[in-house]
């Protein structure tokens, strides 16, 4: 018989042909290879037709939207490799005293200046004096990342940046992740300060000393990103 000579079963099994098990990672890889624009992705219909037996159009469109957003986010993420090239600063509030703390951090080295600025209320002139003092002792960076709408972005600070040849990188409106590294750093600093206060290590000590000890601990952590 022709089927036997061809090495095929003489009799076919009844029922529908078995399909390969669904491999979601293989699907995601194919979606990643599509041409993703800011709002649309080319080739979606043709690709879904290849997978329509195992995934609905709605779920497929959701995967496409996720991958498109991932690509957009990756284009906004910068990894700084040379220490001293770019620093970042922001202000956070801490404790029942509502201290305004302004840390200054190197984005490549992950090193935080030992003594962050502490104020009762955020003041642009004092921030400018703080930066001028730091950069009179340390080599200024090429760039400084800062928040767009705050005392960090005022004429006094701009004058100090110009004096020391530092270019400002302002956070875009409505995109807090732009300065996400500093946001995480401030969360870590608050956690260390909380631990110190719970342990009673800094009772009666000035806030500046609390910050110096907390910053020292953070600077001596082992970070995977640094190897």
N, C-alpha and C. Protein backbone atom coordinates (compact mmCIF):
# COMPACT_ATOMS: atom_id res chain seq x y z
N UNK A 1 0.84 -1.21 0.00
CA UNK A 1 0.00 0.00 0.00
C UNK A 1 0.87 1.26 0.00
N UNK A 2 0.34 2.31 -0.64
CA UNK A 2 1.13 3.54 -0.79
C UNK A 2 1.48 4.15 0.57
N UNK A 3 0.53 4.16 1.52
CA UNK A 3 0.79 4.76 2.84
C UNK A 3 1.85 3.98 3.58
N UNK A 4 1.77 2.65 3.49
CA UNK A 4 2.76 1.82 4.17
C UNK A 4 4.14 2.03 3.57
N UNK A 5 4.21 2.11 2.23
CA UNK A 5 5.50 2.32 1.58
C UNK A 5 6.09 3.68 1.95
N UNK A 6 5.22 4.65 2.18
CA UNK A 6 5.69 5.99 2.56
C UNK A 6 6.04 6.10 4.03
N UNK A 7 5.87 5.00 4.78
CA UNK A 7 6.18 5.02 6.21
C UNK A 7 5.12 5.67 7.05
N UNK A 8 3.91 5.83 6.53
CA UNK A 8 2.81 6.44 7.27
C UNK A 8 1.89 5.35 7.81
N UNK A 9 1.16 5.65 8.90
CA UNK A 9 0.21 4.66 9.42
C UNK A 9 -0.81 4.27 8.36
N UNK A 10 -1.13 2.98 8.34
CA UNK A 10 -2.09 2.50 7.35
C UNK A 10 -3.48 3.06 7.61
N UNK A 11 -3.83 3.18 8.90
CA UNK A 11 -5.14 3.68 9.28
C UNK A 11 -4.96 4.93 10.15
N UNK A 12 -5.63 6.02 9.81
CA UNK A 12 -5.58 7.24 10.61
C UNK A 12 -6.43 7.10 11.86
N UNK A 13 -5.95 7.70 12.96
CA UNK A 13 -6.76 7.70 14.17
C UNK A 13 -7.93 8.65 13.99
N UNK A 14 -9.07 8.26 14.57
CA UNK A 14 -10.27 9.10 14.48
C UNK A 14 -10.11 10.35 15.33
N UNK A 15 -10.85 11.39 14.98
CA UNK A 15 -10.85 12.61 15.78
C UNK A 15 -10.03 13.70 15.13
N UNK A 16 -10.10 14.91 15.73
CA UNK A 16 -9.38 16.06 15.16
C UNK A 16 -7.88 15.90 15.33
N UNK A 17 -7.15 16.54 14.45
CA UNK A 17 -5.69 16.49 14.51
C UNK A 17 -5.20 17.20 15.77
N UNK A 18 -4.25 16.57 16.46
CA UNK A 18 -3.73 17.16 17.69
C UNK A 18 -2.89 18.39 17.35
N UNK A 19 -3.07 19.44 18.18
CA UNK A 19 -2.30 20.67 17.98
C UNK A 19 -1.16 20.74 18.98
N UNK A 20 -0.15 21.53 18.63
CA UNK A 20 0.99 21.71 19.53
C UNK A 20 0.54 22.47 20.78
N UNK A 21 1.15 22.19 21.95
CA UNK A 21 0.78 22.93 23.16
C UNK A 21 1.12 24.41 23.02
N UNK A 22 0.31 25.24 23.66
CA UNK A 22 0.49 26.69 23.58
C UNK A 22 1.78 27.11 24.26
N UNK A 23 2.61 27.87 23.56
CA UNK A 23 3.88 28.35 24.08
C UNK A 23 3.82 29.88 24.17
N UNK A 24 3.44 30.43 25.33
CA UNK A 24 3.26 31.88 25.42
C UNK A 24 4.54 32.66 25.18
N UNK A 25 5.69 32.11 25.58
CA UNK A 25 6.94 32.84 25.39
C UNK A 25 7.29 32.95 23.91
N UNK A 26 7.00 31.89 23.16
CA UNK A 26 7.24 31.96 21.71
C UNK A 26 6.36 33.03 21.07
N UNK A 27 5.13 33.14 21.56
CA UNK A 27 4.23 34.18 21.05
C UNK A 27 4.77 35.57 21.39
N UNK A 28 5.22 35.75 22.62
CA UNK A 28 5.75 37.05 23.03
C UNK A 28 6.97 37.44 22.19
N UNK A 29 7.82 36.47 21.89
CA UNK A 29 8.99 36.76 21.08
C UNK A 29 8.59 37.25 19.69
N UNK A 30 7.56 36.62 19.12
CA UNK A 30 7.09 37.06 17.81
C UNK A 30 6.46 38.45 17.88
N UNK A 31 5.75 38.72 18.98
CA UNK A 31 5.15 40.05 19.14
C UNK A 31 6.25 41.10 19.28
N UNK A 32 7.32 40.77 20.02
CA UNK A 32 8.42 41.73 20.18
C UNK A 32 9.06 42.07 18.84
N UNK A 33 9.07 41.13 17.93
CA UNK A 33 9.72 41.34 16.63
C UNK A 33 8.90 42.22 15.69
N UNK A 34 7.66 42.51 16.06
CA UNK A 34 6.82 43.37 15.22
C UNK A 34 7.32 44.82 15.25
N UNK A 35 6.85 45.60 14.31
CA UNK A 35 7.23 47.01 14.23
C UNK A 35 6.28 47.82 15.11
N UNK A 36 6.75 48.16 16.33
CA UNK A 36 5.92 48.86 17.30
C UNK A 36 6.10 50.37 17.17
N UNK A 37 5.02 51.08 16.94
CA UNK A 37 5.04 52.53 16.94
C UNK A 37 4.51 53.06 18.26
N UNK A 38 4.42 54.38 18.44
CA UNK A 38 3.93 54.95 19.70
C UNK A 38 2.50 54.53 20.03
N UNK A 39 1.65 54.33 18.99
CA UNK A 39 0.24 54.01 19.22
C UNK A 39 -0.22 52.76 18.48
N UNK A 40 0.48 52.36 17.45
CA UNK A 40 0.06 51.22 16.64
C UNK A 40 1.22 50.26 16.42
N UNK A 41 0.86 49.01 16.14
CA UNK A 41 1.84 47.98 15.84
C UNK A 41 1.49 47.34 14.51
N UNK A 42 2.45 47.29 13.60
CA UNK A 42 2.21 46.72 12.27
C UNK A 42 2.30 45.19 12.31
N UNK A 43 1.46 44.54 11.51
CA UNK A 43 1.52 43.09 11.38
C UNK A 43 0.74 42.32 12.41
N UNK A 44 -0.12 43.00 13.18
CA UNK A 44 -0.86 42.35 14.25
C UNK A 44 -1.85 41.32 13.70
N UNK A 45 -2.61 41.71 12.67
CA UNK A 45 -3.63 40.81 12.13
C UNK A 45 -3.04 39.52 11.58
N UNK A 46 -1.96 39.63 10.83
CA UNK A 46 -1.34 38.45 10.24
C UNK A 46 -0.79 37.52 11.31
N UNK A 47 -0.19 38.09 12.35
CA UNK A 47 0.37 37.25 13.41
C UNK A 47 -0.73 36.57 14.21
N UNK A 48 -1.82 37.30 14.49
CA UNK A 48 -2.90 36.68 15.27
C UNK A 48 -3.52 35.52 14.51
N UNK A 49 -3.58 35.62 13.20
CA UNK A 49 -4.17 34.52 12.42
C UNK A 49 -3.39 33.22 12.60
N UNK A 50 -2.10 33.33 12.92
CA UNK A 50 -1.28 32.14 13.14
C UNK A 50 -1.54 31.52 14.52
N UNK A 51 -2.09 32.33 15.44
CA UNK A 51 -2.28 31.87 16.82
C UNK A 51 -3.75 31.87 17.22
N UNK A 52 -4.64 32.10 16.29
CA UNK A 52 -6.05 32.28 16.63
C UNK A 52 -6.69 31.04 17.25
N UNK A 53 -6.09 29.87 17.05
CA UNK A 53 -6.65 28.65 17.63
C UNK A 53 -6.41 28.56 19.14
N UNK A 54 -5.44 29.32 19.65
CA UNK A 54 -5.06 29.15 21.06
C UNK A 54 -5.22 30.42 21.89
N UNK A 55 -5.49 31.56 21.25
CA UNK A 55 -5.63 32.80 22.03
C UNK A 55 -6.66 33.70 21.35
N UNK A 56 -7.50 34.32 22.16
CA UNK A 56 -8.54 35.20 21.61
C UNK A 56 -7.91 36.50 21.10
N UNK A 57 -8.63 37.18 20.24
CA UNK A 57 -8.13 38.45 19.72
C UNK A 57 -7.95 39.47 20.84
N UNK A 58 -8.87 39.46 21.79
CA UNK A 58 -8.78 40.42 22.90
C UNK A 58 -7.51 40.20 23.72
N UNK A 59 -7.24 38.94 24.09
CA UNK A 59 -6.03 38.65 24.87
C UNK A 59 -4.78 38.93 24.05
N UNK A 60 -4.85 38.63 22.77
CA UNK A 60 -3.71 38.89 21.89
C UNK A 60 -3.41 40.39 21.83
N UNK A 61 -4.45 41.20 21.69
CA UNK A 61 -4.27 42.65 21.63
C UNK A 61 -3.67 43.17 22.93
N UNK A 62 -4.04 42.55 24.05
CA UNK A 62 -3.49 42.97 25.34
C UNK A 62 -1.99 42.71 25.40
N UNK A 63 -1.57 41.54 24.90
CA UNK A 63 -0.14 41.23 24.85
C UNK A 63 0.61 42.22 23.96
N UNK A 64 0.01 42.55 22.83
CA UNK A 64 0.64 43.52 21.92
C UNK A 64 0.79 44.87 22.61
N UNK A 65 -0.25 45.31 23.32
CA UNK A 65 -0.19 46.60 24.01
C UNK A 65 0.90 46.60 25.08
N UNK A 66 1.04 45.48 25.80
CA UNK A 66 2.07 45.39 26.84
C UNK A 66 3.47 45.48 26.23
N UNK A 67 3.70 44.74 25.14
CA UNK A 67 5.01 44.77 24.51
C UNK A 67 5.32 46.14 23.91
N UNK A 68 4.29 46.80 23.37
CA UNK A 68 4.49 48.14 22.82
C UNK A 68 4.89 49.11 23.93
N UNK A 69 4.23 49.00 25.09
CA UNK A 69 4.57 49.87 26.21
C UNK A 69 5.96 49.57 26.74
N UNK A 70 6.33 48.27 26.77
CA UNK A 70 7.68 47.90 27.21
C UNK A 70 8.73 48.54 26.32
N UNK A 71 8.48 48.55 25.03
CA UNK A 71 9.44 49.16 24.11
C UNK A 71 9.54 50.65 24.34
N UNK A 72 8.41 51.30 24.55
CA UNK A 72 8.42 52.74 24.81
C UNK A 72 9.19 53.04 26.09
N UNK A 73 8.95 52.24 27.14
CA UNK A 73 9.65 52.46 28.41
C UNK A 73 11.15 52.25 28.26
N UNK A 74 11.54 51.23 27.50
CA UNK A 74 12.97 50.94 27.34
C UNK A 74 13.68 52.07 26.61
N UNK A 75 12.97 52.78 25.76
CA UNK A 75 13.57 53.90 25.04
C UNK A 75 13.77 55.11 25.94
N UNK A 76 13.11 55.13 27.11
CA UNK A 76 13.24 56.24 28.04
C UNK A 76 14.18 55.91 29.19
N UNK A 77 14.80 54.75 29.14
CA UNK A 77 15.67 54.33 30.23
C UNK A 77 17.13 54.49 29.81
N UNK A 78 17.90 55.23 30.60
CA UNK A 78 19.31 55.47 30.30
C UNK A 78 20.15 54.87 31.41
N UNK A 79 21.19 54.15 31.03
CA UNK A 79 22.14 53.61 31.99
C UNK A 79 23.43 54.42 31.91
N UNK A 80 23.78 55.08 33.00
CA UNK A 80 24.99 55.89 33.04
C UNK A 80 26.15 55.01 33.49
N UNK A 81 27.23 55.01 32.74
CA UNK A 81 28.34 54.09 32.99
C UNK A 81 29.57 54.76 33.59
N UNK A 82 29.78 56.04 33.34
CA UNK A 82 30.98 56.72 33.81
C UNK A 82 30.68 57.51 35.08
N UNK A 83 31.29 57.14 36.22
CA UNK A 83 31.05 57.88 37.47
C UNK A 83 31.40 59.36 37.32
N UNK A 84 30.58 60.19 37.93
CA UNK A 84 30.82 61.62 37.90
C UNK A 84 30.20 62.34 36.73
N UNK A 85 29.63 61.60 35.78
CA UNK A 85 29.04 62.24 34.60
C UNK A 85 27.72 62.93 34.93
N UNK A 86 26.88 62.25 35.71
CA UNK A 86 25.56 62.81 36.02
C UNK A 86 25.21 62.55 37.48
N UNK A 87 24.74 63.60 38.14
CA UNK A 87 24.22 63.48 39.50
C UNK A 87 22.72 63.74 39.46
N UNK A 88 22.07 63.35 40.53
CA UNK A 88 20.63 63.55 40.63
C UNK A 88 20.29 64.09 42.00
N UNK A 89 19.25 64.93 42.05
CA UNK A 89 18.81 65.44 43.35
C UNK A 89 17.29 65.58 43.35
N UNK A 90 16.74 65.46 44.53
CA UNK A 90 15.30 65.64 44.73
C UNK A 90 15.09 65.91 46.21
N UNK A 91 13.90 66.32 46.58
CA UNK A 91 13.60 66.62 47.98
C UNK A 91 12.47 65.74 48.46
N UNK A 92 12.62 65.23 49.68
CA UNK A 92 11.59 64.42 50.29
C UNK A 92 11.33 64.90 51.71
N UNK A 93 10.18 64.54 52.24
CA UNK A 93 9.81 64.94 53.61
C UNK A 93 9.94 63.73 54.52
N UNK A 94 10.46 63.98 55.74
CA UNK A 94 10.65 62.84 56.64
C UNK A 94 10.30 63.19 58.08
N UNK A 95 9.69 62.20 58.75
CA UNK A 95 9.48 62.25 60.19
C UNK A 95 8.35 63.16 60.62
N UNK A 96 7.95 63.05 61.90
CA UNK A 96 6.90 63.93 62.42
C UNK A 96 7.31 65.40 62.39
N UNK A 97 8.64 65.64 62.35
CA UNK A 97 9.12 67.02 62.27
C UNK A 97 8.95 67.60 60.87
N UNK A 98 8.67 66.71 59.90
CA UNK A 98 8.49 67.09 58.49
C UNK A 98 9.71 67.82 57.94
N UNK A 99 10.90 67.26 58.25
CA UNK A 99 12.13 67.79 57.69
C UNK A 99 12.10 67.65 56.17
N UNK A 100 12.64 68.64 55.47
CA UNK A 100 12.81 68.58 54.02
C UNK A 100 14.26 68.16 53.75
N UNK A 101 14.43 66.96 53.21
CA UNK A 101 15.75 66.40 52.98
C UNK A 101 16.03 66.39 51.48
N UNK A 102 17.18 66.91 51.09
CA UNK A 102 17.56 66.96 49.68
C UNK A 102 18.86 66.18 49.48
N UNK A 103 18.78 64.90 49.12
CA UNK A 103 20.00 64.13 48.84
C UNK A 103 20.57 64.46 47.46
N UNK A 104 21.85 64.20 47.31
CA UNK A 104 22.55 64.40 46.05
C UNK A 104 23.29 63.10 45.75
N UNK A 105 23.06 62.51 44.55
CA UNK A 105 23.52 61.15 44.29
C UNK A 105 24.12 61.02 42.90
N UNK A 106 25.23 60.29 42.80
CA UNK A 106 25.82 59.96 41.51
C UNK A 106 25.09 58.78 40.90
N UNK A 107 24.62 58.91 39.66
CA UNK A 107 23.79 57.87 39.07
C UNK A 107 24.59 56.69 38.54
N UNK A 108 25.85 56.88 38.21
CA UNK A 108 26.68 55.76 37.76
C UNK A 108 27.29 55.02 38.94
N UNK A 109 27.85 55.76 39.89
CA UNK A 109 28.51 55.15 41.05
C UNK A 109 27.52 54.71 42.12
N UNK A 110 26.29 55.25 42.10
CA UNK A 110 25.27 55.01 43.13
C UNK A 110 25.70 55.59 44.48
N UNK A 111 26.71 56.45 44.48
CA UNK A 111 27.21 57.05 45.72
C UNK A 111 26.38 58.28 46.06
N UNK A 112 25.99 58.36 47.33
CA UNK A 112 25.21 59.50 47.80
C UNK A 112 26.09 60.39 48.66
N UNK A 113 26.03 61.70 48.42
CA UNK A 113 26.84 62.63 49.21
C UNK A 113 26.56 62.43 50.69
N UNK A 114 27.63 62.45 51.48
CA UNK A 114 27.55 62.04 52.87
C UNK A 114 26.57 62.87 53.69
N UNK A 115 26.45 64.15 53.38
CA UNK A 115 25.59 65.03 54.18
C UNK A 115 24.52 65.67 53.29
N UNK A 116 23.34 65.06 53.19
CA UNK A 116 22.25 65.70 52.44
C UNK A 116 21.83 67.01 53.11
N UNK A 117 21.24 67.88 52.34
CA UNK A 117 20.75 69.15 52.87
C UNK A 117 19.48 68.90 53.67
N UNK A 118 19.39 69.52 54.86
CA UNK A 118 18.21 69.41 55.72
C UNK A 118 17.64 70.80 55.95
N UNK A 119 16.33 70.97 55.72
CA UNK A 119 15.67 72.25 55.92
C UNK A 119 14.31 72.03 56.60
N UNK A 120 13.84 73.06 57.26
CA UNK A 120 12.48 73.02 57.80
C UNK A 120 11.45 73.26 56.70
N UNK A 121 11.83 74.05 55.71
CA UNK A 121 10.98 74.26 54.54
C UNK A 121 11.90 74.34 53.32
N UNK A 122 11.42 73.84 52.19
CA UNK A 122 12.25 73.78 51.00
C UNK A 122 12.50 75.19 50.46
N UNK A 123 13.78 75.52 50.29
CA UNK A 123 14.15 76.87 49.89
C UNK A 123 15.19 76.79 48.76
N UNK A 124 14.87 77.39 47.62
CA UNK A 124 15.76 77.32 46.47
C UNK A 124 17.10 77.98 46.70
N UNK A 125 17.13 79.10 47.44
CA UNK A 125 18.40 79.79 47.69
C UNK A 125 19.34 78.92 48.52
N UNK A 126 18.79 78.21 49.51
CA UNK A 126 19.63 77.33 50.33
C UNK A 126 20.12 76.13 49.51
N UNK A 127 19.27 75.63 48.63
CA UNK A 127 19.68 74.53 47.76
C UNK A 127 20.84 74.98 46.87
N UNK A 128 20.75 76.21 46.37
CA UNK A 128 21.83 76.75 45.53
C UNK A 128 23.13 76.87 46.31
N UNK A 129 23.06 77.36 47.55
CA UNK A 129 24.25 77.47 48.38
C UNK A 129 24.84 76.09 48.67
N UNK A 130 23.98 75.11 48.90
CA UNK A 130 24.43 73.74 49.16
C UNK A 130 25.18 73.18 47.96
N UNK A 131 24.63 73.36 46.77
CA UNK A 131 25.30 72.87 45.56
C UNK A 131 26.64 73.58 45.34
N UNK A 132 26.66 74.89 45.57
CA UNK A 132 27.89 75.65 45.39
C UNK A 132 28.98 75.15 46.34
N UNK A 133 28.59 74.85 47.58
CA UNK A 133 29.55 74.33 48.56
C UNK A 133 30.07 72.96 48.14
N UNK A 134 29.18 72.07 47.73
CA UNK A 134 29.58 70.72 47.33
C UNK A 134 30.53 70.79 46.13
N UNK A 135 30.18 71.59 45.14
CA UNK A 135 30.99 71.63 43.92
C UNK A 135 32.26 72.46 44.07
N UNK A 136 32.39 73.14 45.18
CA UNK A 136 33.66 73.79 45.49
C UNK A 136 34.63 72.79 46.09
N UNK A 137 34.09 71.66 46.58
CA UNK A 137 34.92 70.62 47.19
C UNK A 137 35.08 69.40 46.29
N UNK A 138 34.06 69.13 45.46
CA UNK A 138 34.06 67.96 44.58
C UNK A 138 34.00 68.43 43.12
N UNK A 139 34.52 67.61 42.22
CA UNK A 139 34.43 67.93 40.79
C UNK A 139 32.97 67.91 40.36
N UNK A 140 32.46 68.99 39.80
CA UNK A 140 31.05 69.01 39.38
C UNK A 140 30.79 67.99 38.26
N UNK A 141 29.57 67.48 38.19
CA UNK A 141 29.23 66.56 37.10
C UNK A 141 28.97 67.33 35.80
N UNK A 142 28.75 66.60 34.73
CA UNK A 142 28.36 67.23 33.47
C UNK A 142 26.88 67.58 33.48
N UNK A 143 26.06 66.69 34.10
CA UNK A 143 24.61 66.88 34.13
C UNK A 143 24.09 66.76 35.56
N UNK A 144 22.97 67.44 35.83
CA UNK A 144 22.24 67.29 37.09
C UNK A 144 20.78 67.04 36.77
N UNK A 145 20.27 65.87 37.16
CA UNK A 145 18.84 65.57 36.99
C UNK A 145 18.08 66.16 38.17
N UNK A 146 16.96 66.79 37.90
CA UNK A 146 16.19 67.44 38.96
C UNK A 146 14.72 67.48 38.56
N UNK A 147 13.87 67.76 39.56
CA UNK A 147 12.44 67.88 39.34
C UNK A 147 12.14 69.18 38.61
N UNK A 148 11.12 69.15 37.77
CA UNK A 148 10.81 70.32 36.94
C UNK A 148 10.16 71.45 37.74
N UNK A 149 9.13 71.15 38.51
CA UNK A 149 8.35 72.20 39.15
C UNK A 149 8.57 72.26 40.65
N UNK A 150 9.70 72.75 41.11
CA UNK A 150 9.99 72.80 42.54
C UNK A 150 11.10 73.81 42.77
N UNK A 151 11.44 74.11 44.05
CA UNK A 151 12.58 74.99 44.31
C UNK A 151 13.90 74.48 43.76
N UNK A 152 13.96 73.21 43.36
CA UNK A 152 15.18 72.71 42.71
C UNK A 152 15.39 73.38 41.35
N UNK A 153 14.31 73.92 40.80
CA UNK A 153 14.35 74.54 39.48
C UNK A 153 14.00 76.02 39.63
N UNK A 154 14.98 76.79 40.06
CA UNK A 154 14.77 78.23 40.28
C UNK A 154 16.01 78.98 39.80
N UNK A 155 15.93 80.30 39.76
CA UNK A 155 17.03 81.10 39.22
C UNK A 155 18.31 80.93 40.03
N UNK A 156 18.19 80.87 41.35
CA UNK A 156 19.39 80.74 42.18
C UNK A 156 20.13 79.44 41.86
N UNK A 157 19.38 78.35 41.70
CA UNK A 157 19.99 77.06 41.36
C UNK A 157 20.55 77.11 39.94
N UNK A 158 19.80 77.71 39.02
CA UNK A 158 20.28 77.83 37.64
C UNK A 158 21.60 78.59 37.57
N UNK A 159 21.72 79.64 38.37
CA UNK A 159 22.95 80.44 38.37
C UNK A 159 24.15 79.61 38.85
N UNK A 160 23.92 78.77 39.86
CA UNK A 160 25.01 77.92 40.36
C UNK A 160 25.39 76.87 39.32
N UNK A 161 24.40 76.30 38.66
CA UNK A 161 24.69 75.34 37.60
C UNK A 161 25.55 75.98 36.51
N UNK A 162 25.17 77.19 36.10
CA UNK A 162 25.93 77.87 35.05
C UNK A 162 27.34 78.21 35.52
N UNK A 163 27.46 78.63 36.77
CA UNK A 163 28.76 78.98 37.33
C UNK A 163 29.73 77.80 37.30
N UNK A 164 29.21 76.60 37.56
CA UNK A 164 30.06 75.40 37.62
C UNK A 164 30.03 74.59 36.32
N UNK A 165 29.35 75.10 35.30
CA UNK A 165 29.34 74.40 34.02
C UNK A 165 28.55 73.11 34.01
N UNK A 166 27.47 73.06 34.79
CA UNK A 166 26.64 71.86 34.90
C UNK A 166 25.36 72.07 34.09
N UNK A 167 25.01 71.08 33.26
CA UNK A 167 23.80 71.17 32.44
C UNK A 167 22.62 70.52 33.16
N UNK A 168 21.48 71.20 33.28
CA UNK A 168 20.32 70.61 33.96
C UNK A 168 19.58 69.63 33.05
N UNK A 169 19.13 68.53 33.63
CA UNK A 169 18.23 67.58 32.97
C UNK A 169 16.94 67.58 33.78
N UNK A 170 15.92 68.29 33.31
CA UNK A 170 14.67 68.43 34.05
C UNK A 170 13.73 67.27 33.76
N UNK A 171 13.04 66.80 34.79
CA UNK A 171 12.08 65.72 34.62
C UNK A 171 10.93 66.18 33.73
N UNK A 172 10.53 65.38 32.74
CA UNK A 172 9.38 65.76 31.90
C UNK A 172 8.10 65.79 32.73
N UNK A 173 7.15 66.65 32.40
CA UNK A 173 5.88 66.69 33.14
C UNK A 173 5.16 65.35 33.06
N UNK A 174 4.66 64.89 34.20
CA UNK A 174 3.85 63.68 34.23
C UNK A 174 4.62 62.40 34.01
N UNK A 175 5.94 62.42 34.22
CA UNK A 175 6.72 61.19 34.05
C UNK A 175 7.69 61.04 35.22
N UNK A 176 7.18 60.64 36.42
CA UNK A 176 8.02 60.55 37.62
C UNK A 176 9.13 59.52 37.50
N UNK A 177 8.97 58.51 36.60
CA UNK A 177 10.00 57.48 36.47
C UNK A 177 11.30 58.04 35.89
N UNK A 178 11.26 59.27 35.35
CA UNK A 178 12.46 59.87 34.77
C UNK A 178 13.58 59.94 35.81
N UNK A 179 13.22 60.21 37.04
CA UNK A 179 14.21 60.28 38.12
C UNK A 179 13.99 59.13 39.09
N UNK A 180 13.65 57.96 38.55
CA UNK A 180 13.28 56.83 39.39
C UNK A 180 14.39 56.34 40.29
N UNK A 181 15.65 56.44 39.84
CA UNK A 181 16.77 55.99 40.66
C UNK A 181 16.85 56.79 41.96
N UNK A 182 16.65 58.10 41.86
CA UNK A 182 16.67 58.93 43.06
C UNK A 182 15.46 58.64 43.94
N UNK A 183 14.31 58.39 43.34
CA UNK A 183 13.12 58.05 44.12
C UNK A 183 13.37 56.81 44.98
N UNK A 184 13.96 55.78 44.38
CA UNK A 184 14.26 54.56 45.12
C UNK A 184 15.30 54.82 46.20
N UNK A 185 16.28 55.67 45.88
CA UNK A 185 17.31 56.00 46.86
C UNK A 185 16.72 56.69 48.08
N UNK A 186 15.75 57.58 47.88
CA UNK A 186 15.13 58.27 49.01
C UNK A 186 14.29 57.31 49.84
N UNK A 187 13.64 56.35 49.19
CA UNK A 187 12.90 55.34 49.93
C UNK A 187 13.84 54.51 50.80
N UNK A 188 15.00 54.15 50.24
CA UNK A 188 15.99 53.39 51.01
C UNK A 188 16.50 54.20 52.19
N UNK A 189 16.73 55.49 51.97
CA UNK A 189 17.21 56.35 53.05
C UNK A 189 16.19 56.44 54.17
N UNK A 190 14.93 56.61 53.83
CA UNK A 190 13.88 56.67 54.85
C UNK A 190 13.81 55.37 55.64
N UNK A 191 13.98 54.24 54.97
CA UNK A 191 13.93 52.95 55.66
C UNK A 191 15.07 52.83 56.67
N UNK A 192 16.26 53.28 56.27
CA UNK A 192 17.41 53.24 57.19
C UNK A 192 17.18 54.17 58.38
N UNK A 193 16.65 55.35 58.12
CA UNK A 193 16.37 56.29 59.22
C UNK A 193 15.33 55.71 60.17
N UNK A 194 14.31 55.06 59.63
CA UNK A 194 13.29 54.42 60.48
C UNK A 194 13.92 53.35 61.37
N UNK A 195 14.80 52.53 60.81
CA UNK A 195 15.45 51.47 61.59
C UNK A 195 16.29 52.07 62.71
N UNK A 196 17.02 53.14 62.40
CA UNK A 196 17.85 53.77 63.42
C UNK A 196 17.01 54.32 64.57
N UNK A 197 15.87 54.90 64.23
CA UNK A 197 15.02 55.46 65.28
C UNK A 197 14.36 54.36 66.10
N UNK A 198 13.96 53.27 65.45
CA UNK A 198 13.36 52.15 66.18
C UNK A 198 14.36 51.52 67.13
N UNK A 199 15.63 51.50 66.74
CA UNK A 199 16.67 50.92 67.58
C UNK A 199 17.15 51.88 68.66
N UNK A 200 16.65 53.11 68.62
CA UNK A 200 17.04 54.10 69.62
C UNK A 200 18.48 54.56 69.49
N UNK A 201 19.05 54.43 68.29
CA UNK A 201 20.46 54.76 68.11
C UNK A 201 20.72 56.26 68.08
N UNK A 202 19.72 57.04 67.68
CA UNK A 202 19.97 58.45 67.44
C UNK A 202 19.12 59.35 68.32
N UNK A 203 18.69 58.85 69.47
CA UNK A 203 17.83 59.65 70.35
C UNK A 203 18.54 60.94 70.75
N UNK A 204 17.88 62.06 70.51
CA UNK A 204 18.43 63.35 70.90
C UNK A 204 19.50 63.89 69.98
N UNK A 205 19.82 63.17 68.90
CA UNK A 205 20.87 63.62 67.99
C UNK A 205 20.28 64.52 66.91
N UNK A 206 21.07 65.47 66.41
CA UNK A 206 20.57 66.32 65.32
C UNK A 206 20.24 65.50 64.07
N UNK A 207 19.30 65.99 63.30
CA UNK A 207 18.89 65.29 62.09
C UNK A 207 20.06 65.11 61.13
N UNK A 208 20.97 66.06 61.11
CA UNK A 208 22.12 65.96 60.21
C UNK A 208 22.95 64.72 60.51
N UNK A 209 23.14 64.42 61.81
CA UNK A 209 23.92 63.23 62.18
C UNK A 209 23.16 61.95 61.84
N UNK A 210 21.85 61.97 62.03
CA UNK A 210 21.05 60.81 61.63
C UNK A 210 21.25 60.52 60.14
N UNK A 211 21.23 61.58 59.35
CA UNK A 211 21.38 61.41 57.91
C UNK A 211 22.78 60.94 57.53
N UNK A 212 23.79 61.45 58.21
CA UNK A 212 25.16 61.05 57.89
C UNK A 212 25.35 59.56 58.15
N UNK A 213 24.83 59.07 59.27
CA UNK A 213 24.96 57.64 59.57
C UNK A 213 24.16 56.81 58.58
N UNK A 214 22.93 57.23 58.30
CA UNK A 214 22.10 56.49 57.35
C UNK A 214 22.71 56.46 55.96
N UNK A 215 23.25 57.60 55.53
CA UNK A 215 23.88 57.66 54.21
C UNK A 215 25.13 56.79 54.16
N UNK A 216 25.89 56.78 55.25
CA UNK A 216 27.08 55.93 55.33
C UNK A 216 26.70 54.46 55.14
N UNK A 217 25.62 54.03 55.76
CA UNK A 217 25.18 52.64 55.62
C UNK A 217 24.79 52.33 54.17
N UNK A 218 24.07 53.26 53.54
CA UNK A 218 23.65 53.03 52.16
C UNK A 218 24.84 52.98 51.21
N UNK A 219 25.83 53.84 51.45
CA UNK A 219 27.00 53.87 50.57
C UNK A 219 27.87 52.63 50.69
N UNK A 220 27.70 51.88 51.77
CA UNK A 220 28.53 50.69 51.98
C UNK A 220 27.74 49.40 51.79
N UNK A 221 26.58 49.50 51.16
CA UNK A 221 25.86 48.30 50.76
C UNK A 221 26.53 47.68 49.55
N UNK A 222 26.32 46.38 49.39
CA UNK A 222 26.76 45.72 48.17
C UNK A 222 25.60 45.73 47.18
N UNK A 223 25.81 46.37 46.04
CA UNK A 223 24.77 46.49 45.03
C UNK A 223 25.08 45.58 43.84
N UNK A 224 24.09 44.78 43.45
CA UNK A 224 24.28 43.85 42.33
C UNK A 224 24.62 44.59 41.05
N UNK A 225 24.03 45.77 40.86
CA UNK A 225 24.23 46.51 39.62
C UNK A 225 25.69 46.94 39.44
N UNK A 226 26.44 47.03 40.56
CA UNK A 226 27.84 47.42 40.50
C UNK A 226 28.77 46.21 40.43
N UNK A 227 28.20 45.00 40.49
CA UNK A 227 29.01 43.79 40.37
C UNK A 227 29.53 43.31 41.72
